[in-house]
């Protein structure tokens, strides 16, 4: 019984991880944009906000490329 649950759940888990990855990419892009272009965290110097925003944006792009490669290989 445990084997059949794991067998049918493996594809579901992979699909879930892909969708979760897309959600995290959207969050990284949102945080990067928020830090770079909107004065939300005014107690942090503007230069530091731009640097962290840039890194969030670049990391989001990196994760997006990795997820798209995984989808292409797995045919999701």
Foldseek 3Di string as FASTA:
>chain_A
DVVVVCVVCPVVVVVVVLVVLVVQLVVLLVQLCCLQPPCPPVVDDNVVSNVSSVVSNVVSVVSVVVSVVVCVVVVD
